[in-house]
Each structure stands twice: as structure tokens, then as C-alpha cells.
C-alpha atoms as a PDB file:
ATOM      1  CA  MET A   1      33.295 -30.602   6.464  1.00  0.00           C
ATOM      2  CA  LYS A   2      30.014 -30.707   8.347  1.00  0.00           C
ATOM      3  CA  LYS A   3      27.000 -31.608   6.167  1.00  0.00           C
ATOM      4  CA  ILE A   4      24.039 -29.424   7.133  1.00  0.00           C
ATOM      5  CA  ALA A   5      20.623 -30.072   5.603  1.00  0.00           C
ATOM      6  CA  LEU A   6      17.682 -27.681   5.561  1.00  0.00           C
ATOM      7  CA  TYR A   7      14.177 -29.155   5.688  1.00  0.00           C
ATOM      8  CA  PRO A   8      11.759 -26.342   4.751  1.00  0.00           C
ATOM      9  CA  GLY A   9       7.981 -26.447   4.891  1.00  0.00           C
ATOM     10  CA  SER A  10       4.906 -24.834   6.345  1.00  0.00           C
ATOM     11  CA  PHE A  11       4.472 -27.615   8.941  1.00  0.00           C
ATOM     12  CA  ASP A  12       0.836 -26.624   9.509  1.00  0.00           C
ATOM     13  CA  PRO A  13       1.019 -28.705  11.703  1.00  0.00           C
ATOM     14  CA  ILE A  14       4.087 -30.939  11.755  1.00  0.00           C
ATOM     15  CA  THR A  15       2.987 -34.561  11.300  1.00  0.00           C
ATOM     16  CA  ASN A  16       4.440 -38.003  11.956  1.00  0.00           C
ATOM     17  CA  GLY A  17       5.398 -38.053   8.274  1.00  0.00           C
ATOM     18  CA  HIS A  18       7.466 -34.886   8.687  1.00  0.00           C
ATOM     19  CA  PHE A  19       9.027 -36.283  11.861  1.00  0.00           C
ATOM     20  CA  ASP A  20       9.941 -39.485  10.021  1.00  0.00           C
ATOM     21  CA  ILE A  21      11.697 -37.458   7.302  1.00  0.00           C
ATOM     22  CA  ILE A  22      13.646 -35.535   9.975  1.00  0.00           C
ATOM     23  CA  GLU A  23      14.805 -38.785  11.589  1.00  0.00           C
ATOM     24  CA  ARG A  24      15.830 -40.212   8.208  1.00  0.00           C
ATOM     25  CA  ALA A  25      17.730 -37.039   7.351  1.00  0.00           C
ATOM     26  CA  LEU A  26      19.626 -37.261  10.650  1.00  0.00           C
ATOM     27  CA  GLY A  27      20.927 -40.644   9.512  1.00  0.00           C
ATOM     28  CA  LEU A  28      22.423 -38.993   6.430  1.00  0.00           C
ATOM     29  CA  PHE A  29      23.572 -35.553   7.577  1.00  0.00           C
ATOM     30  CA  ASP A  30      25.417 -34.076  10.550  1.00  0.00           C
ATOM     31  CA  GLU A  31      22.733 -31.514  11.314  1.00  0.00           C
ATOM     32  CA  VAL A  32      19.166 -30.870  10.192  1.00  0.00           C
ATOM     33  CA  ILE A  33      17.582 -27.442  10.314  1.00  0.00           C
ATOM     34  CA  VAL A  34      13.798 -27.575  10.195  1.00  0.00           C
ATOM     35  CA  ALA A  35      12.719 -24.310   8.581  1.00  0.00           C
ATOM     36  CA  VAL A  36       9.114 -23.301   9.233  1.00  0.00           C
ATOM     37  CA  ALA A  37       7.848 -20.996   6.502  1.00  0.00           C
ATOM     38  CA  LEU A  38       5.515 -18.079   7.155  1.00  0.00           C
ATOM     39  CA  SER A  39       3.453 -19.212   4.117  1.00  0.00           C
ATOM     40  CA  GLU A  40       0.767 -16.530   4.349  1.00  0.00           C
ATOM     41  CA  ASP A  41      -0.378 -17.412   0.821  1.00  0.00           C
ATOM     42  CA  LYS A  42      -1.417 -20.856   2.118  1.00  0.00           C
ATOM     43  CA  LYS A  43      -3.552 -19.274   4.859  1.00  0.00           C
ATOM     44  CA  PRO A  44      -2.214 -21.540   7.612  1.00  0.00           C
ATOM     45  CA  MET A  45      -4.451 -22.752  10.436  1.00  0.00           C
ATOM     46  CA  PHE A  46      -1.714 -22.071  12.990  1.00  0.00           C
ATOM     47  CA  THR A  47       0.413 -18.947  13.385  1.00  0.00           C
ATOM     48  CA  LEU A  48       4.088 -19.067  12.521  1.00  0.00           C
ATOM     49  CA  GLN A  49       4.968 -18.937  16.203  1.00  0.00           C
ATOM     50  CA  GLU A  50       2.582 -21.809  17.032  1.00  0.00           C
ATOM     51  CA  ARG A  51       4.039 -23.918  14.221  1.00  0.00           C
ATOM     52  CA  ILE A  52       7.591 -23.177  15.359  1.00  0.00           C
ATOM     53  CA  GLU A  53       6.679 -24.141  18.934  1.00  0.00           C
ATOM     54  CA  MET A  54       4.980 -27.383  17.826  1.00  0.00           C
ATOM     55  CA  THR A  55       7.992 -28.270  15.706  1.00  0.00           C
ATOM     56  CA  LYS A  56      10.465 -27.487  18.501  1.00  0.00           C
ATOM     57  CA  GLU A  57       8.480 -29.609  20.938  1.00  0.00           C
ATOM     58  CA  SER A  58       8.292 -32.550  18.541  1.00  0.00           C
ATOM     59  CA  VAL A  59      12.071 -32.618  17.890  1.00  0.00           C
ATOM     60  CA  LYS A  60      13.293 -31.652  21.363  1.00  0.00           C
ATOM     61  CA  ASP A  61      14.666 -35.154  22.045  1.00  0.00           C
ATOM     62  CA  LEU A  62      16.604 -35.361  18.762  1.00  0.00           C
ATOM     63  CA  ASN A  63      20.255 -34.352  18.678  1.00  0.00           C
ATOM     64  CA  ASN A  64      21.577 -32.065  15.953  1.00  0.00           C
ATOM     65  CA  VAL A  65      18.198 -30.603  14.987  1.00  0.00           C
ATOM     66  CA  ARG A  66      17.420 -26.894  15.036  1.00  0.00           C
ATOM     67  CA  VAL A  67      14.130 -25.157  14.244  1.00  0.00           C
ATOM     68  CA  VAL A  68      13.945 -21.725  12.630  1.00  0.00           C
ATOM     69  CA  GLY A  69      11.171 -19.625  11.141  1.00  0.00           C
ATOM     70  CA  PHE A  70      11.598 -17.882   7.807  1.00  0.00           C
ATOM     71  CA  ASP A  71      10.004 -15.681   5.176  1.00  0.00           C
ATOM     72  CA  ASN A  72      12.474 -15.486   2.330  1.00  0.00           C
ATOM     73  CA  LEU A  73      13.891 -17.662  -0.437  1.00  0.00           C
ATOM     74  CA  THR A  74      14.808 -21.137   0.743  1.00  0.00           C
ATOM     75  CA  VAL A  75      18.227 -21.020  -0.939  1.00  0.00           C
ATOM     76  CA  LYS A  76      19.037 -17.745   0.845  1.00  0.00           C
ATOM     77  CA  LEU A  77      18.048 -19.307   4.165  1.00  0.00           C
ATOM     78  CA  ALA A  78      20.208 -22.336   3.386  1.00  0.00           C
ATOM     79  CA  LYS A  79      23.218 -20.097   2.703  1.00  0.00           C
ATOM     80  CA  THR A  80      22.580 -18.152   5.926  1.00  0.00           C
ATOM     81  CA  HIS A  81      22.863 -21.421   7.894  1.00  0.00           C
ATOM     82  CA  ASP A  82      25.684 -22.956   5.804  1.00  0.00           C
ATOM     83  CA  ALA A  83      23.351 -25.700   4.600  1.00  0.00           C
ATOM     84  CA  SER A  84      24.368 -27.291   1.308  1.00  0.00           C
ATOM     85  CA  ILE A  85      21.403 -29.661   1.076  1.00  0.00           C
ATOM     86  CA  ILE A  86      17.659 -29.042   0.930  1.00  0.00           C
ATOM     87  CA  ILE A  87      15.497 -31.950   2.086  1.00  0.00           C
ATOM     88  CA  ARG A  88      12.111 -32.524   0.484  1.00  0.00           C
ATOM     89  CA  GLY A  89       9.650 -35.273   1.314  1.00  0.00           C
ATOM     90  CA  LEU A  90       7.860 -37.355  -1.301  1.00  0.00           C
ATOM     91  CA  ARG A  91       4.723 -39.254  -0.332  1.00  0.00           C
ATOM     92  CA  ALA A  92       3.426 -40.226  -3.754  1.00  0.00           C
ATOM     93  CA  VAL A  93       4.030 -39.795  -7.465  1.00  0.00           C
ATOM     94  CA  SER A  94       1.669 -36.813  -7.334  1.00  0.00           C
ATOM     95  CA  ASP A  95       4.241 -34.949  -5.182  1.00  0.00           C
ATOM     96  CA  PHE A  96       7.087 -35.658  -7.564  1.00  0.00           C
ATOM     97  CA  GLU A  97       6.392 -33.213 -10.400  1.00  0.00           C
ATOM     98  CA  TYR A  98       5.974 -30.204  -8.090  1.00  0.00           C
ATOM     99  CA  GLU A  99       8.990 -31.156  -5.964  1.00  0.00           C
ATOM    100  CA  LEU A 100      11.151 -31.737  -9.037  1.00  0.00           C
ATOM    101  CA  GLN A 101      10.265 -28.273 -10.393  1.00  0.00           C
ATOM    102  CA  LEU A 102      11.039 -26.738  -7.000  1.00  0.00           C
ATOM    103  CA  GLY A 103      14.375 -28.558  -6.885  1.00  0.00           C
ATOM    104  CA  TYR A 104      15.291 -27.297 -10.360  1.00  0.00           C
ATOM    105  CA  LEU A 105      14.235 -23.774  -9.427  1.00  0.00           C
ATOM    106  CA  ASN A 106      16.382 -23.809  -6.290  1.00  0.00           C
ATOM    107  CA  ASN A 107      19.313 -25.177  -8.295  1.00  0.00           C
ATOM    108  CA  SER A 108      18.893 -22.391 -10.859  1.00  0.00           C
ATOM    109  CA  LEU A 109      19.111 -19.846  -8.031  1.00  0.00           C
ATOM    110  CA  ASP A 110      22.155 -21.469  -6.409  1.00  0.00           C
ATOM    111  CA  ASP A 111      23.857 -24.434  -8.037  1.00  0.00           C
ATOM    112  CA  THR A 112      25.937 -25.178  -4.920  1.00  0.00           C
ATOM    113  CA  ILE A 113      22.843 -26.406  -3.070  1.00  0.00           C
ATOM    114  CA  GLU A 114      21.582 -29.926  -3.737  1.00  0.00           C
ATOM    115  CA  THR A 115      18.050 -31.177  -3.181  1.00  0.00           C
ATOM    116  CA  VAL A 116      17.613 -34.617  -1.643  1.00  0.00           C
ATOM    117  CA  TYR A 117      14.211 -36.302  -1.762  1.00  0.00           C
ATOM    118  CA  LEU A 118      13.250 -38.650   1.066  1.00  0.00           C
ATOM    119  CA  MET A 119      10.223 -40.885   1.382  1.00  0.00           C
ATOM    120  CA  PRO A 120       8.532 -41.417   4.731  1.00  0.00           C
ATOM    121  CA  LYS A 121       7.903 -44.941   5.930  1.00  0.00           C
ATOM    122  CA  LEU A 122       4.903 -46.496   4.227  1.00  0.00           C
ATOM    123  CA  LYS A 123       2.752 -46.191   7.365  1.00  0.00           C
ATOM    124  CA  HIS A 124       3.143 -42.392   7.141  1.00  0.00           C
ATOM    125  CA  ALA A 125       2.874 -42.036   3.356  1.00  0.00           C
ATOM    126  CA  PHE A 126      -0.796 -40.955   3.386  1.00  0.00           C
ATOM    127  CA  ILE A 127      -0.387 -38.268   6.051  1.00  0.00           C
ATOM    128  CA  SER A 128      -0.495 -34.623   5.027  1.00  0.00           C
ATOM    129  CA  SER A 129      -0.955 -31.461   7.029  1.00  0.00           C
ATOM    130  CA  SER A 130      -4.078 -30.662   4.995  1.00  0.00           C
ATOM    131  CA  ILE A 131      -5.665 -33.990   5.998  1.00  0.00           C
ATOM    132  CA  VAL A 132      -4.848 -33.244   9.636  1.00  0.00           C
ATOM    133  CA  ARG A 133      -6.292 -29.715   9.396  1.00  0.00           C
ATOM    134  CA  ASN A 134      -9.526 -31.092   7.950  1.00  0.00           C
ATOM    135  CA  LEU A 135      -9.799 -33.610  10.767  1.00  0.00           C
ATOM    136  CA  LEU A 136      -9.119 -30.900  13.354  1.00  0.00           C
ATOM    137  CA  LYS A 137     -11.904 -28.710  11.943  1.00  0.00           C
ATOM    138  CA  PHE A 138     -14.375 -31.508  12.622  1.00  0.00           C
ATOM    139  CA  ASN A 139     -12.826 -32.759  15.875  1.00  0.00           C
ATOM    140  CA  GLY A 140     -11.653 -35.939  14.145  1.00  0.00           C
ATOM    141  CA  LYS A 141      -9.103 -38.322  15.606  1.00  0.00           C
ATOM    142  CA  THR A 142      -5.513 -37.183  14.888  1.00  0.00           C
ATOM    143  CA  GLU A 143      -3.480 -38.950  17.590  1.00  0.00           C
ATOM    144  CA  HIS A 144      -2.105 -41.475  15.090  1.00  0.00           C
ATOM    145  CA  LEU A 145      -1.039 -38.722  12.657  1.00  0.00           C
ATOM    146  CA  LEU A 146       0.789 -36.272  14.935  1.00  0.00           C
ATOM    147  CA  PRO A 147       3.742 -36.427  17.309  1.00  0.00           C
ATOM    148  CA  LYS A 148       2.382 -36.728  20.851  1.00  0.00           C
ATOM    149  CA  GLU A 149       3.844 -33.334  21.802  1.00  0.00           C
ATOM    150  CA  VAL A 150       1.970 -31.680  18.928  1.00  0.00           C
ATOM    151  CA  GLN A 151      -1.255 -33.473  19.801  1.00  0.00           C
ATOM    152  CA  LYS A 152      -0.912 -32.225  23.367  1.00  0.00           C
ATOM    153  CA  ILE A 153      -0.338 -28.607  22.250  1.00  0.00           C
ATOM    154  CA  ILE A 154      -3.294 -28.696  19.869  1.00  0.00           C
ATOM    155  CA  GLY A 155      -5.481 -30.316  22.518  1.00  0.00           C
ATOM    156  CA  SER A 156      -4.709 -27.523  24.955  1.00  0.00           C
ATOM    157  CA  MET A 157      -5.489 -24.768  22.428  1.00  0.00           C
ATOM    158  CA  ASN A 158      -8.738 -22.928  22.499  1.00  0.00           C
ATOM    159  CA  SER A 159     -11.187 -24.388  19.963  1.00  0.00           C
ATOM    160  CA  CYS A 160     -11.619 -20.883  18.501  1.00  0.00           C
ATOM    161  CA  THR A 161      -8.007 -21.052  17.275  1.00  0.00           C
ATOM    162  CA  LEU A 162      -8.847 -24.084  15.137  1.00  0.00           C
ATOM    163  CA  GLN A 163     -11.824 -22.599  13.285  1.00  0.00           C
END
């Protein structure tokens, strides 16, 4: 039976840390679906369509990775795509409590779906989308934090989009 994992997040924008988690997940599962959440409550810097495009561009050279957008319960999306595993990234102990609660919540909604927590490589452990967004607001250097395809897309965007 094919093991399909769902990696949900807002990916606002997708970072090298996210990309690292995707690569690690590919070593464990047959297919990884990167699910980009609408996340209006987080007031994302980039539109859902922009985030989907950035994510697609960053994973285009990886086999067995699909990118989808969504605005519903993660467990329902997982079922829709026959995914039995939800991937979550952990950078630090501070992430653990929230992620553990989310994992328990998802399990309470559907106990056939498992949550697997993956750590990025140490060199990516400090990267977060919020750090990147703050740097972008002030034209800070982000080349070392983002996949080159994402950096290129952001660089070509109108500066009004990033305010």
C-alpha cells in the first residue's frame, strides 16, 4: 500500500526549512502532498495563489511531490488525497507543545491518520516564515533562507505587494 503524507502549512513564504522537511519526508514516504492553507486569520503577506506558485516552483525538481491549496480541516484534506500521515516540522522545544496539541486534535477527529514530526537540519532550525516576512518588509537579505526559485519570484514582485 502506498504511503502518502500530507505536509500542511501556510508557507508564507516557503523557506529552506520547509523544503528540508519535504526532502526528509520523501525519504520516508512514497508521496508527499504539500498543502498550502488559505490561513486568512494569519493575514498572510502573499496570496494563496502566490504561495501555491512559490511552493510549486520550489519543489518542481522533486519526484512524488504534489502541491495543493486548501481551506478546510487538515484531516478532511488528508482523507480526500488518501494520505494516512500528517507531517509537521519542529524547529525548537517552543514548537512542540502547540504541535503536540494539534496532533492530538487531528487524531481525535480521525484516529486513522498519524502525525509524524520531523526536524529540519540544524542549519535551517532558526528559519521561520515570520522571520523572512520581517526581513522582506525592510528589504533585508533573504537569499540564504529561501529556495532560489522563491527568492526569484519574490524579487520580481512589485514592492507594493510586500508592504
